[in-house]
Amino acid sequence: MKTFFLVLFAFLFAFPAQAVPLDSLFVKAPREVLPLLGVTERLDLLDLYGHGMSAKAENSLGGQSELLEKTENRLKLKTSEAGTWEMRLFRLEADSLILVIHSVKAIGVQSEVSAYRTNWTPAFVLLPSPSLGRLIDMASSSISPLRKQELLSVLREQPVRVEFTGEKQDLLTYAIDLSGVSLNDREDAAGVTRSATYELLPNGSFVRREP
């Protein structure tokens, strides 16, 4: 088995990043991008997933990481009990781009989005950064002004969650995560929040999709 992994590892690194599949990009992600899993653990996950088995491996914290989903262009990991890590490969006009969403659950789910070239150097693209006003719509709500102010104070303290959405999982959707909001406030909060969805164009820029 070790010989198999060494051969596969050498094969994955033998080609330019632009020509290799998502599996190879995943294996070659630097530890600062994906710190909890080494190369051997990543290869184990790919092998187990490819054979239709439960794709779990021990991470550097002594816990379990699991490969949850994998397609030609997207891969999603449960890195720990509180974290997920996703990568999505986009083929652009002049190059390819990798978007990574790292989400951590504490009181709520907080996401961080990063962009990389296929050699895992940072890509200097203008990532979406929707304002609070874009994610909250008080005007259409019938609740009282005082209640709106109370909710606004609560929502300002909540983290923003980001997900790949759409039929091809090629859109970025931002929304205030309400899992940390009290049950007394959650229904009203859900009524005044909205998501903001963005599409990555072939030229490497983002445009907001209207709901």
N, C-alpha and C. Protein backbone atom coordinates (compact mmCIF):
# COMPACT_ATOMS: atom_id res chain seq x y z
N MET A 1 0.83 -1.20 0.00
CA MET A 1 0.00 0.00 0.00
C MET A 1 0.86 1.26 0.00
N LYS A 2 1.96 1.24 0.79
CA LYS A 2 2.85 2.41 0.82
C LYS A 2 3.47 2.65 -0.55
N THR A 3 3.82 1.55 -1.25
CA THR A 3 4.38 1.69 -2.58
C THR A 3 3.37 2.32 -3.53
N PHE A 4 2.11 1.90 -3.40
CA PHE A 4 1.05 2.46 -4.24
C PHE A 4 0.93 3.96 -4.03
N PHE A 5 0.94 4.41 -2.77
CA PHE A 5 0.80 5.81 -2.48
C PHE A 5 2.00 6.61 -2.99
N LEU A 6 3.20 6.05 -2.88
CA LEU A 6 4.39 6.74 -3.36
C LEU A 6 4.33 6.93 -4.87
N VAL A 7 3.87 5.90 -5.58
CA VAL A 7 3.75 5.98 -7.03
C VAL A 7 2.69 7.01 -7.41
N LEU A 8 1.54 6.96 -6.72
CA LEU A 8 0.48 7.91 -7.01
C LEU A 8 0.91 9.34 -6.70
N PHE A 9 1.60 9.49 -5.59
CA PHE A 9 2.08 10.82 -5.20
C PHE A 9 3.02 11.38 -6.27
N ALA A 10 3.94 10.56 -6.76
CA ALA A 10 4.88 10.99 -7.80
C ALA A 10 4.14 11.33 -9.08
N PHE A 11 3.11 10.55 -9.40
CA PHE A 11 2.33 10.80 -10.62
C PHE A 11 1.60 12.13 -10.55
N LEU A 12 1.01 12.41 -9.40
CA LEU A 12 0.24 13.64 -9.25
C LEU A 12 1.12 14.88 -9.36
N PHE A 13 2.35 14.76 -8.94
CA PHE A 13 3.24 15.92 -8.95
C PHE A 13 4.03 16.04 -10.25
N ALA A 14 3.81 15.12 -11.18
CA ALA A 14 4.64 15.09 -12.37
C ALA A 14 4.15 16.03 -13.46
N PHE A 15 2.96 16.62 -13.31
CA PHE A 15 2.38 17.44 -14.35
C PHE A 15 2.15 18.85 -13.87
N PRO A 16 2.09 19.81 -14.78
CA PRO A 16 1.77 21.18 -14.38
C PRO A 16 0.41 21.24 -13.74
N ALA A 17 0.22 22.16 -12.79
CA ALA A 17 -1.02 22.22 -12.02
C ALA A 17 -2.23 22.43 -12.89
N GLN A 18 -2.06 23.20 -14.03
CA GLN A 18 -3.21 23.50 -14.87
C GLN A 18 -3.75 22.25 -15.56
N ALA A 19 -2.91 21.20 -15.68
CA ALA A 19 -3.31 20.03 -16.45
C ALA A 19 -3.80 18.89 -15.57
N VAL A 20 -3.66 19.00 -14.27
CA VAL A 20 -3.98 17.87 -13.41
C VAL A 20 -5.39 18.02 -12.83
N PRO A 21 -5.98 16.91 -12.39
CA PRO A 21 -7.34 16.95 -11.88
C PRO A 21 -7.42 17.52 -10.46
N LEU A 22 -8.65 17.64 -9.99
CA LEU A 22 -8.90 18.18 -8.66
C LEU A 22 -8.19 17.38 -7.58
N ASP A 23 -8.14 16.06 -7.73
CA ASP A 23 -7.48 15.23 -6.72
C ASP A 23 -6.05 15.69 -6.47
N SER A 24 -5.32 15.97 -7.54
CA SER A 24 -3.94 16.38 -7.40
C SER A 24 -3.83 17.75 -6.74
N LEU A 25 -4.72 18.66 -7.10
CA LEU A 25 -4.71 19.98 -6.47
C LEU A 25 -4.98 19.87 -4.98
N PHE A 26 -5.86 18.98 -4.60
CA PHE A 26 -6.16 18.74 -3.19
C PHE A 26 -4.93 18.22 -2.46
N VAL A 27 -4.25 17.26 -3.07
CA VAL A 27 -3.07 16.67 -2.44
C VAL A 27 -1.96 17.71 -2.28
N LYS A 28 -1.83 18.61 -3.25
CA LYS A 28 -0.74 19.58 -3.24
C LYS A 28 -1.06 20.86 -2.47
N ALA A 29 -2.24 20.98 -1.90
CA ALA A 29 -2.56 22.18 -1.13
C ALA A 29 -1.57 22.34 0.02
N PRO A 30 -0.96 23.51 0.20
CA PRO A 30 0.01 23.71 1.28
C PRO A 30 -0.61 23.53 2.65
N ARG A 31 0.20 23.22 3.63
CA ARG A 31 -0.31 23.03 4.98
C ARG A 31 -0.91 24.31 5.56
N GLU A 32 -0.45 25.47 5.13
CA GLU A 32 -1.05 26.70 5.63
C GLU A 32 -2.46 26.91 5.07
N VAL A 33 -2.78 26.23 3.97
CA VAL A 33 -4.14 26.30 3.40
C VAL A 33 -5.02 25.21 4.00
N LEU A 34 -4.46 24.03 4.19
CA LEU A 34 -5.19 22.90 4.77
C LEU A 34 -4.30 22.26 5.85
N PRO A 35 -4.26 22.84 7.04
CA PRO A 35 -3.26 22.45 8.03
C PRO A 35 -3.47 21.12 8.74
N LEU A 36 -4.68 20.62 8.80
CA LEU A 36 -4.96 19.46 9.64
C LEU A 36 -4.64 18.12 8.99
N LEU A 37 -4.36 18.12 7.69
CA LEU A 37 -4.14 16.85 6.99
C LEU A 37 -2.86 16.88 6.19
N GLY A 38 -2.03 15.87 6.39
CA GLY A 38 -0.83 15.72 5.60
C GLY A 38 -1.13 15.02 4.29
N VAL A 39 -0.10 14.85 3.47
CA VAL A 39 -0.27 14.23 2.16
C VAL A 39 -0.79 12.80 2.27
N THR A 40 -0.22 12.02 3.19
CA THR A 40 -0.64 10.62 3.33
C THR A 40 -2.12 10.53 3.69
N GLU A 41 -2.57 11.37 4.61
CA GLU A 41 -3.97 11.34 5.02
C GLU A 41 -4.89 11.76 3.86
N ARG A 42 -4.46 12.71 3.08
CA ARG A 42 -5.27 13.14 1.93
C ARG A 42 -5.39 12.02 0.90
N LEU A 43 -4.29 11.34 0.65
CA LEU A 43 -4.33 10.21 -0.28
C LEU A 43 -5.21 9.09 0.25
N ASP A 44 -5.15 8.84 1.54
CA ASP A 44 -6.03 7.84 2.15
C ASP A 44 -7.50 8.19 1.92
N LEU A 45 -7.84 9.47 2.14
CA LEU A 45 -9.23 9.90 1.97
C LEU A 45 -9.68 9.71 0.53
N LEU A 46 -8.84 10.08 -0.43
CA LEU A 46 -9.21 9.92 -1.84
C LEU A 46 -9.39 8.45 -2.20
N ASP A 47 -8.51 7.61 -1.69
CA ASP A 47 -8.58 6.19 -1.99
C ASP A 47 -9.85 5.56 -1.41
N LEU A 48 -10.14 5.88 -0.15
CA LEU A 48 -11.33 5.34 0.49
C LEU A 48 -12.61 5.84 -0.20
N TYR A 49 -12.64 7.12 -0.52
CA TYR A 49 -13.82 7.69 -1.18
C TYR A 49 -14.01 7.05 -2.57
N GLY A 50 -12.90 6.88 -3.28
CA GLY A 50 -12.97 6.30 -4.62
C GLY A 50 -13.47 4.87 -4.61
N HIS A 51 -13.29 4.17 -3.49
CA HIS A 51 -13.76 2.79 -3.38
C HIS A 51 -15.12 2.70 -2.69
N GLY A 52 -15.78 3.84 -2.53
CA GLY A 52 -17.12 3.84 -1.95
C GLY A 52 -17.16 3.54 -0.47
N MET A 53 -16.05 3.74 0.22
CA MET A 53 -15.98 3.46 1.65
C MET A 53 -16.07 4.75 2.45
N SER A 54 -16.28 4.62 3.75
CA SER A 54 -16.29 5.78 4.62
C SER A 54 -14.91 6.40 4.62
N ALA A 55 -14.82 7.63 4.09
CA ALA A 55 -13.52 8.26 3.85
C ALA A 55 -13.12 9.11 5.05
N LYS A 56 -12.52 8.46 6.06
CA LYS A 56 -12.10 9.15 7.28
C LYS A 56 -10.62 8.90 7.52
N ALA A 57 -9.97 9.92 8.12
CA ALA A 57 -8.55 9.79 8.46
C ALA A 57 -8.28 10.62 9.70
N GLU A 58 -7.29 10.22 10.45
CA GLU A 58 -6.94 10.97 11.65
C GLU A 58 -6.23 12.26 11.25
N ASN A 59 -6.65 13.37 11.86
CA ASN A 59 -6.00 14.65 11.56
C ASN A 59 -4.92 14.97 12.60
N SER A 60 -4.25 16.10 12.40
CA SER A 60 -3.11 16.44 13.25
C SER A 60 -3.51 16.79 14.68
N LEU A 61 -4.81 16.99 14.93
CA LEU A 61 -5.28 17.25 16.29
C LEU A 61 -5.68 15.97 17.02
N GLY A 62 -5.56 14.84 16.34
CA GLY A 62 -5.94 13.56 16.94
C GLY A 62 -7.40 13.21 16.75
N GLY A 63 -8.14 14.06 16.04
CA GLY A 63 -9.54 13.77 15.75
C GLY A 63 -9.70 13.15 14.37
N GLN A 64 -10.93 13.11 13.89
CA GLN A 64 -11.23 12.52 12.59
C GLN A 64 -11.63 13.59 11.59
N SER A 65 -11.07 13.51 10.40
CA SER A 65 -11.51 14.31 9.27
C SER A 65 -12.16 13.37 8.26
N GLU A 66 -13.13 13.89 7.52
CA GLU A 66 -13.88 13.04 6.60
C GLU A 66 -14.09 13.77 5.27
N LEU A 67 -13.87 13.04 4.18
CA LEU A 67 -14.18 13.54 2.85
C LEU A 67 -15.66 13.28 2.59
N LEU A 68 -16.44 14.35 2.52
CA LEU A 68 -17.89 14.23 2.42
C LEU A 68 -18.39 14.15 0.98
N GLU A 69 -17.84 14.99 0.11
CA GLU A 69 -18.30 15.06 -1.28
C GLU A 69 -17.12 15.33 -2.19
N LYS A 70 -17.19 14.80 -3.41
CA LYS A 70 -16.17 15.09 -4.41
C LYS A 70 -16.74 14.94 -5.80
N THR A 71 -16.55 15.96 -6.62
CA THR A 71 -16.92 15.90 -8.03
C THR A 71 -15.68 16.28 -8.84
N GLU A 72 -15.86 16.48 -10.11
CA GLU A 72 -14.73 16.85 -10.98
C GLU A 72 -14.14 18.20 -10.58
N ASN A 73 -14.99 19.11 -10.05
CA ASN A 73 -14.54 20.46 -9.78
C ASN A 73 -14.64 20.88 -8.32
N ARG A 74 -15.21 20.05 -7.46
CA ARG A 74 -15.46 20.47 -6.08
C ARG A 74 -15.18 19.34 -5.10
N LEU A 75 -14.68 19.74 -3.92
CA LEU A 75 -14.38 18.78 -2.86
C LEU A 75 -14.75 19.41 -1.53
N LYS A 76 -15.40 18.62 -0.67
CA LYS A 76 -15.82 19.12 0.64
C LYS A 76 -15.35 18.18 1.73
N LEU A 77 -14.70 18.75 2.75
CA LEU A 77 -14.19 18.00 3.88
C LEU A 77 -14.87 18.44 5.17
N LYS A 78 -15.09 17.49 6.05
CA LYS A 78 -15.36 17.81 7.45
C LYS A 78 -14.01 17.68 8.13
N THR A 79 -13.38 18.81 8.42
CA THR A 79 -12.03 18.77 8.96
C THR A 79 -12.00 18.37 10.43
N SER A 80 -13.03 18.74 11.17
CA SER A 80 -13.12 18.43 12.60
C SER A 80 -14.58 18.48 12.99
N GLU A 81 -14.87 18.29 14.26
CA GLU A 81 -16.26 18.37 14.72
C GLU A 81 -16.84 19.76 14.52
N ALA A 82 -15.97 20.77 14.45
CA ALA A 82 -16.45 22.15 14.35
C ALA A 82 -16.12 22.82 13.02
N GLY A 83 -15.43 22.11 12.12
CA GLY A 83 -14.97 22.78 10.90
C GLY A 83 -15.25 22.04 9.62
N THR A 84 -15.43 22.80 8.55
CA THR A 84 -15.52 22.25 7.20
C THR A 84 -14.57 23.03 6.29
N TRP A 85 -14.14 22.38 5.23
CA TRP A 85 -13.21 22.97 4.27
C TRP A 85 -13.66 22.53 2.88
N GLU A 86 -13.88 23.50 2.00
CA GLU A 86 -14.32 23.19 0.63
C GLU A 86 -13.43 23.89 -0.37
N MET A 87 -13.17 23.22 -1.47
CA MET A 87 -12.48 23.85 -2.59
C MET A 87 -13.29 23.65 -3.86
N ARG A 88 -13.27 24.67 -4.71
CA ARG A 88 -14.00 24.61 -5.98
C ARG A 88 -13.09 25.16 -7.07
N LEU A 89 -12.88 24.36 -8.12
CA LEU A 89 -12.02 24.75 -9.22
C LEU A 89 -12.87 25.39 -10.32
N PHE A 90 -12.49 26.59 -10.74
CA PHE A 90 -13.18 27.31 -11.81
C PHE A 90 -12.23 27.47 -12.99
N ARG A 91 -12.70 27.09 -14.18
CA ARG A 91 -11.93 27.27 -15.40
C ARG A 91 -12.29 28.63 -15.99
N LEU A 92 -11.32 29.52 -16.05
CA LEU A 92 -11.56 30.86 -16.56
C LEU A 92 -10.99 31.01 -17.96
N GLU A 93 -11.17 32.19 -18.54
CA GLU A 93 -10.72 32.42 -19.91
C GLU A 93 -9.20 32.29 -20.03
N ALA A 94 -8.49 32.92 -19.11
CA ALA A 94 -7.04 32.96 -19.22
C ALA A 94 -6.33 32.01 -18.26
N ASP A 95 -7.01 31.51 -17.28
CA ASP A 95 -6.37 30.72 -16.23
C ASP A 95 -7.45 29.93 -15.51
N SER A 96 -7.06 29.26 -14.44
CA SER A 96 -8.02 28.59 -13.57
C SER A 96 -7.88 29.19 -12.18
N LEU A 97 -8.95 29.10 -11.40
CA LEU A 97 -8.98 29.70 -10.08
C LEU A 97 -9.55 28.70 -9.09
N ILE A 98 -8.95 28.62 -7.91
CA ILE A 98 -9.46 27.78 -6.83
C ILE A 98 -10.04 28.69 -5.75
N LEU A 99 -11.31 28.48 -5.42
CA LEU A 99 -11.91 29.16 -4.29
C LEU A 99 -12.01 28.18 -3.13
N VAL A 100 -11.60 28.61 -1.95
CA VAL A 100 -11.65 27.77 -0.75
C VAL A 100 -12.54 28.46 0.28
N ILE A 101 -13.48 27.69 0.83
CA ILE A 101 -14.31 28.17 1.93
C ILE A 101 -13.98 27.36 3.16
N HIS A 102 -13.48 28.03 4.19
CA HIS A 102 -13.19 27.38 5.47
C HIS A 102 -14.18 27.91 6.48
N SER A 103 -15.01 27.03 7.04
CA SER A 103 -16.04 27.43 7.99
C SER A 103 -15.82 26.77 9.34
N VAL A 104 -16.03 27.54 10.39
CA VAL A 104 -15.84 27.05 11.76
C VAL A 104 -17.09 27.38 12.57
N LYS A 105 -17.58 26.39 13.31
CA LYS A 105 -18.77 26.58 14.13
C LYS A 105 -18.38 26.78 15.58
N ALA A 106 -18.76 27.93 16.12
CA ALA A 106 -18.61 28.21 17.55
C ALA A 106 -20.02 28.48 18.07
N ILE A 107 -20.34 29.74 18.36
CA ILE A 107 -21.73 30.08 18.67
C ILE A 107 -22.56 30.01 17.40
N GLY A 108 -21.99 30.47 16.31
CA GLY A 108 -22.59 30.35 14.99
C GLY A 108 -21.51 29.88 14.03
N VAL A 109 -21.83 29.84 12.73
CA VAL A 109 -20.87 29.39 11.72
C VAL A 109 -20.25 30.60 11.03
N GLN A 110 -18.95 30.71 11.13
CA GLN A 110 -18.20 31.80 10.50
C GLN A 110 -17.38 31.24 9.35
N SER A 111 -17.50 31.86 8.17
CA SER A 111 -16.78 31.37 7.00
C SER A 111 -15.74 32.37 6.53
N GLU A 112 -14.68 31.83 5.97
CA GLU A 112 -13.64 32.64 5.35
C GLU A 112 -13.42 32.13 3.93
N VAL A 113 -13.42 33.03 2.96
CA VAL A 113 -13.23 32.66 1.56
C VAL A 113 -11.86 33.12 1.10
N SER A 114 -11.14 32.24 0.41
CA SER A 114 -9.82 32.57 -0.12
C SER A 114 -9.75 32.14 -1.58
N ALA A 115 -8.92 32.83 -2.35
CA ALA A 115 -8.76 32.52 -3.77
C ALA A 115 -7.31 32.22 -4.08
N TYR A 116 -7.08 31.19 -4.90
CA TYR A 116 -5.73 30.76 -5.24
C TYR A 116 -5.62 30.42 -6.72
N ARG A 117 -4.42 30.58 -7.23
CA ARG A 117 -4.11 30.03 -8.54
C ARG A 117 -3.89 28.53 -8.39
N THR A 118 -3.72 27.84 -9.50
CA THR A 118 -3.59 26.38 -9.41
C THR A 118 -2.23 25.93 -8.90
N ASN A 119 -1.31 26.85 -8.69
CA ASN A 119 -0.06 26.50 -8.00
C ASN A 119 -0.14 26.86 -6.52
N TRP A 120 -1.34 27.20 -6.05
CA TRP A 120 -1.66 27.52 -4.66
C TRP A 120 -0.98 28.81 -4.18
N THR A 121 -0.65 29.69 -5.09
CA THR A 121 -0.28 31.05 -4.69
C THR A 121 -1.55 31.88 -4.62
N PRO A 122 -1.61 32.89 -3.73
CA PRO A 122 -2.83 33.68 -3.62
C PRO A 122 -3.19 34.36 -4.94
N ALA A 123 -4.46 34.34 -5.26
CA ALA A 123 -4.96 35.02 -6.46
C ALA A 123 -5.53 36.37 -6.05
N PHE A 124 -5.07 37.41 -6.69
CA PHE A 124 -5.49 38.75 -6.32
C PHE A 124 -6.75 39.13 -7.09
N VAL A 125 -7.86 38.54 -6.64
CA VAL A 125 -9.16 38.85 -7.21
C VAL A 125 -10.00 39.54 -6.15
N LEU A 126 -10.95 40.33 -6.59
CA LEU A 126 -11.81 41.05 -5.67
C LEU A 126 -12.97 40.15 -5.26
N LEU A 127 -12.84 39.53 -4.08
CA LEU A 127 -13.88 38.63 -3.59
C LEU A 127 -15.09 39.43 -3.11
N PRO A 128 -16.29 38.88 -3.21
CA PRO A 128 -17.47 39.58 -2.71
C PRO A 128 -17.36 39.85 -1.21
N SER A 129 -17.90 40.98 -0.80
CA SER A 129 -17.93 41.34 0.62
C SER A 129 -19.21 42.13 0.88
N PRO A 130 -20.34 41.42 0.90
CA PRO A 130 -21.62 42.12 1.04
C PRO A 130 -21.72 42.85 2.38
N SER A 131 -22.28 44.04 2.32
CA SER A 131 -22.47 44.83 3.54
C SER A 131 -23.61 44.25 4.37
N LEU A 132 -23.69 44.68 5.62
CA LEU A 132 -24.78 44.23 6.49
C LEU A 132 -26.13 44.63 5.90
N GLY A 133 -26.16 45.80 5.27
CA GLY A 133 -27.41 46.25 4.65
C GLY A 133 -27.87 45.36 3.52
N ARG A 134 -26.92 44.69 2.88
CA ARG A 134 -27.27 43.76 1.80
C ARG A 134 -27.88 42.47 2.34
N LEU A 135 -27.53 42.14 3.59
CA LEU A 135 -27.97 40.87 4.17
C LEU A 135 -29.17 41.02 5.11
N ILE A 136 -29.59 42.25 5.35
CA ILE A 136 -30.73 42.52 6.22
C ILE A 136 -31.73 43.38 5.48
N ASP A 137 -33.00 43.01 5.51
CA ASP A 137 -34.06 43.77 4.84
C ASP A 137 -35.15 44.09 5.85
N MET A 138 -34.99 45.20 6.52
CA MET A 138 -35.98 45.61 7.52
C MET A 138 -37.21 46.25 6.88
N ALA A 139 -37.03 46.84 5.69
CA ALA A 139 -38.11 47.63 5.09
C ALA A 139 -39.35 46.79 4.78
N SER A 140 -39.17 45.55 4.40
CA SER A 140 -40.31 44.73 4.01
C SER A 140 -40.99 44.04 5.19
N SER A 141 -40.46 44.22 6.40
CA SER A 141 -41.03 43.56 7.58
C SER A 141 -42.09 44.44 8.22
N SER A 142 -43.11 43.78 8.77
CA SER A 142 -44.22 44.51 9.42
C SER A 142 -44.03 44.63 10.93
N ILE A 143 -42.90 44.18 11.46
CA ILE A 143 -42.68 44.27 12.90
C ILE A 143 -42.43 45.73 13.29
N SER A 144 -42.56 46.03 14.55
CA SER A 144 -42.48 47.40 15.03
C SER A 144 -41.06 47.96 14.90
N PRO A 145 -40.94 49.29 14.81
CA PRO A 145 -39.60 49.90 14.74
C PRO A 145 -38.71 49.53 15.93
N LEU A 146 -39.30 49.47 17.13
CA LEU A 146 -38.51 49.10 18.30
C LEU A 146 -37.97 47.68 18.17
N ARG A 147 -38.82 46.78 17.69
CA ARG A 147 -38.40 45.39 17.51
C ARG A 147 -37.31 45.30 16.43
N LYS A 148 -37.43 46.10 15.40
CA LYS A 148 -36.41 46.11 14.35
C LYS A 148 -35.05 46.53 14.91
N GLN A 149 -35.05 47.51 15.79
CA GLN A 149 -33.81 47.96 16.39
C GLN A 149 -33.20 46.87 17.28
N GLU A 150 -34.07 46.15 18.00
CA GLU A 150 -33.59 45.05 18.83
C GLU A 150 -32.94 43.97 17.97
N LEU A 151 -33.61 43.63 16.87
CA LEU A 151 -33.08 42.59 15.99
C LEU A 151 -31.79 43.03 15.32
N LEU A 152 -31.73 44.30 14.94
CA LEU A 152 -30.53 44.80 14.30
C LEU A 152 -29.33 44.68 15.23
N SER A 153 -29.54 44.97 16.50
CA SER A 153 -28.45 44.83 17.48
C SER A 153 -28.00 43.38 17.59
N VAL A 154 -28.96 42.46 17.55
CA VAL A 154 -28.63 41.03 17.63
C VAL A 154 -27.89 40.57 16.37
N LEU A 155 -28.40 40.97 15.20
CA LEU A 155 -27.84 40.48 13.94
C LEU A 155 -26.44 41.02 13.67
N ARG A 156 -26.14 42.19 14.18
CA ARG A 156 -24.80 42.75 14.01
C ARG A 156 -23.73 41.90 14.67
N GLU A 157 -24.12 41.11 15.64
CA GLU A 157 -23.17 40.28 16.39
C GLU A 157 -23.02 38.88 15.81
N GLN A 158 -23.80 38.55 14.77
CA GLN A 158 -23.77 37.19 14.24
C GLN A 158 -22.76 37.05 13.11
N PRO A 159 -22.17 35.88 12.97
CA PRO A 159 -21.20 35.65 11.88
C PRO A 159 -21.89 35.47 10.54
N VAL A 160 -21.11 35.58 9.48
CA VAL A 160 -21.61 35.38 8.12
C VAL A 160 -21.11 34.04 7.61
N ARG A 161 -22.05 33.28 7.09
CA ARG A 161 -21.73 31.95 6.54
C ARG A 161 -21.73 32.02 5.02
N VAL A 162 -20.77 31.35 4.40
CA VAL A 162 -20.65 31.33 2.94
C VAL A 162 -20.72 29.88 2.46
N GLU A 163 -21.46 29.66 1.37
CA GLU A 163 -21.62 28.32 0.82
C GLU A 163 -21.55 28.36 -0.70
N PHE A 164 -21.11 27.25 -1.29
CA PHE A 164 -21.26 27.06 -2.73
C PHE A 164 -22.70 26.62 -2.99
N THR A 165 -23.37 27.30 -3.89
CA THR A 165 -24.76 26.99 -4.19
C THR A 165 -24.96 26.91 -5.70
N GLY A 166 -26.21 26.69 -6.10
CA GLY A 166 -26.53 26.57 -7.51
C GLY A 166 -26.50 25.12 -7.96
N GLU A 167 -27.06 24.88 -9.11
CA GLU A 167 -27.14 23.52 -9.65
C GLU A 167 -25.77 22.89 -9.80
N LYS A 168 -24.78 23.71 -10.18
CA LYS A 168 -23.42 23.21 -10.37
C LYS A 168 -22.50 23.57 -9.20
N GLN A 169 -23.09 24.05 -8.12
CA GLN A 169 -22.31 24.48 -6.96
C GLN A 169 -21.22 25.47 -7.37
N ASP A 170 -21.60 26.38 -8.28
CA ASP A 170 -20.62 27.34 -8.81
C ASP A 170 -20.92 28.78 -8.41
N LEU A 171 -21.84 28.97 -7.47
CA LEU A 171 -22.17 30.29 -6.99
C LEU A 171 -21.72 30.43 -5.54
N LEU A 172 -21.42 31.65 -5.12
CA LEU A 172 -21.08 31.93 -3.74
C LEU A 172 -22.25 32.64 -3.08
N THR A 173 -22.78 32.06 -2.01
CA THR A 173 -23.91 32.66 -1.32
C THR A 173 -23.52 33.01 0.11
N TYR A 174 -23.73 34.28 0.46
CA TYR A 174 -23.42 34.81 1.79
C TYR A 174 -24.72 35.03 2.55
N ALA A 175 -24.75 34.67 3.83
CA ALA A 175 -25.93 34.88 4.67
C ALA A 175 -25.51 34.97 6.12
N ILE A 176 -26.24 35.74 6.90
CA ILE A 176 -26.00 35.80 8.34
C ILE A 176 -26.43 34.47 8.94
N ASP A 177 -25.54 33.85 9.69
CA ASP A 177 -25.86 32.57 10.31
C ASP A 177 -26.67 32.81 11.59
N LEU A 178 -27.83 32.17 11.68
CA LEU A 178 -28.75 32.41 12.79
C LEU A 178 -28.71 31.32 13.86
N SER A 179 -27.78 30.38 13.74
CA SER A 179 -27.77 29.28 14.69
C SER A 179 -27.41 29.73 16.10
N GLY A 180 -26.77 30.89 16.23
CA GLY A 180 -26.44 31.40 17.56
C GLY A 180 -27.46 32.37 18.12
N VAL A 181 -28.53 32.62 17.36
CA VAL A 181 -29.59 33.53 17.82
C VAL A 181 -30.56 32.77 18.72
N SER A 182 -31.02 33.41 19.78
CA SER A 182 -31.94 32.74 20.70
C SER A 182 -33.23 32.34 19.99
N LEU A 183 -33.88 31.33 20.51
CA LEU A 183 -35.13 30.86 19.90
C LEU A 183 -36.19 31.95 19.90
N ASN A 184 -36.16 32.83 20.89
CA ASN A 184 -37.14 33.91 20.96
C ASN A 184 -36.98 34.91 19.81
N ASP A 185 -35.76 35.04 19.33
CA ASP A 185 -35.48 36.02 18.27
C ASP A 185 -35.37 35.39 16.89
N ARG A 186 -35.19 34.08 16.82
CA ARG A 186 -34.80 33.45 15.56
C ARG A 186 -35.85 33.59 14.46
N GLU A 187 -37.12 33.44 14.80
CA GLU A 187 -38.16 33.53 13.77
C GLU A 187 -38.23 34.93 13.18
N ASP A 188 -38.21 35.95 14.05
CA ASP A 188 -38.23 37.32 13.54
C ASP A 188 -36.95 37.64 12.77
N ALA A 189 -35.83 37.12 13.24
CA ALA A 189 -34.56 37.37 12.55
C ALA A 189 -34.56 36.75 11.16
N ALA A 190 -35.12 35.56 11.04
CA ALA A 190 -35.20 34.91 9.73
C ALA A 190 -36.06 35.72 8.77
N GLY A 191 -37.03 36.44 9.30
CA GLY A 191 -37.92 37.23 8.45
C GLY A 191 -37.31 38.51 7.91
N VAL A 192 -36.20 38.94 8.50
CA VAL A 192 -35.60 40.21 8.05
C VAL A 192 -34.20 40.01 7.44
N THR A 193 -33.74 38.77 7.35
CA THR A 193 -32.43 38.53 6.74
C THR A 193 -32.61 37.94 5.34
N ARG A 194 -31.63 38.16 4.53
CA ARG A 194 -31.66 37.63 3.16
C ARG A 194 -30.24 37.27 2.75
N SER A 195 -30.13 36.44 1.75
CA SER A 195 -28.81 36.03 1.28
C SER A 195 -28.38 36.90 0.10
N ALA A 196 -27.10 36.89 -0.16
CA ALA A 196 -26.54 37.58 -1.32
C ALA A 196 -25.71 36.56 -2.10
N THR A 197 -26.04 36.37 -3.36
CA THR A 197 -25.40 35.35 -4.19
C THR A 197 -24.60 35.99 -5.32
N TYR A 198 -23.42 35.43 -5.55
CA TYR A 198 -22.50 35.99 -6.55
C TYR A 198 -22.04 34.91 -7.52
N GLU A 199 -21.86 35.32 -8.78
CA GLU A 199 -21.38 34.43 -9.82
C GLU A 199 -20.00 34.88 -10.28
N LEU A 200 -19.11 33.93 -10.45
CA LEU A 200 -17.77 34.22 -10.95
C LEU A 200 -17.81 34.17 -12.48
N LEU A 201 -17.51 35.30 -13.11
CA LEU A 201 -17.53 35.38 -14.57
C LEU A 201 -16.24 34.81 -15.17
N PRO A 202 -16.26 34.45 -16.45
CA PRO A 202 -15.07 33.88 -17.08
C PRO A 202 -13.85 34.80 -17.04
N ASN A 203 -14.07 36.12 -16.89
CA ASN A 203 -12.93 37.05 -16.84
C ASN A 203 -12.34 37.17 -15.44
N GLY A 204 -12.90 36.43 -14.46
CA GLY A 204 -12.36 36.43 -13.11
C GLY A 204 -12.98 37.43 -12.17
N SER A 205 -14.03 38.12 -12.59
CA SER A 205 -14.71 39.07 -11.71
C SER A 205 -16.03 38.47 -11.23
N PHE A 206 -16.54 39.00 -10.12
CA PHE A 206 -17.79 38.52 -9.55
C PHE A 206 -18.92 39.50 -9.85
N VAL A 207 -20.11 38.96 -10.07
CA VAL A 207 -21.30 39.78 -10.25
C VAL A 207 -22.40 39.23 -9.36
N ARG A 208 -23.17 40.13 -8.77
CA ARG A 208 -24.23 39.67 -7.87
C ARG A 208 -25.42 39.18 -8.67
N ARG A 209 -25.94 38.07 -8.27
CA ARG A 209 -27.13 37.48 -8.87
C ARG A 209 -28.37 38.01 -8.14
N GLU A 210 -29.34 38.51 -8.86
CA GLU A 210 -30.58 38.94 -8.24
C GLU A 210 -31.39 37.73 -7.81
N PRO A 211 -32.11 37.82 -6.67
CA PRO A 211 -32.90 36.67 -6.20
C PRO A 211 -34.05 36.37 -7.14
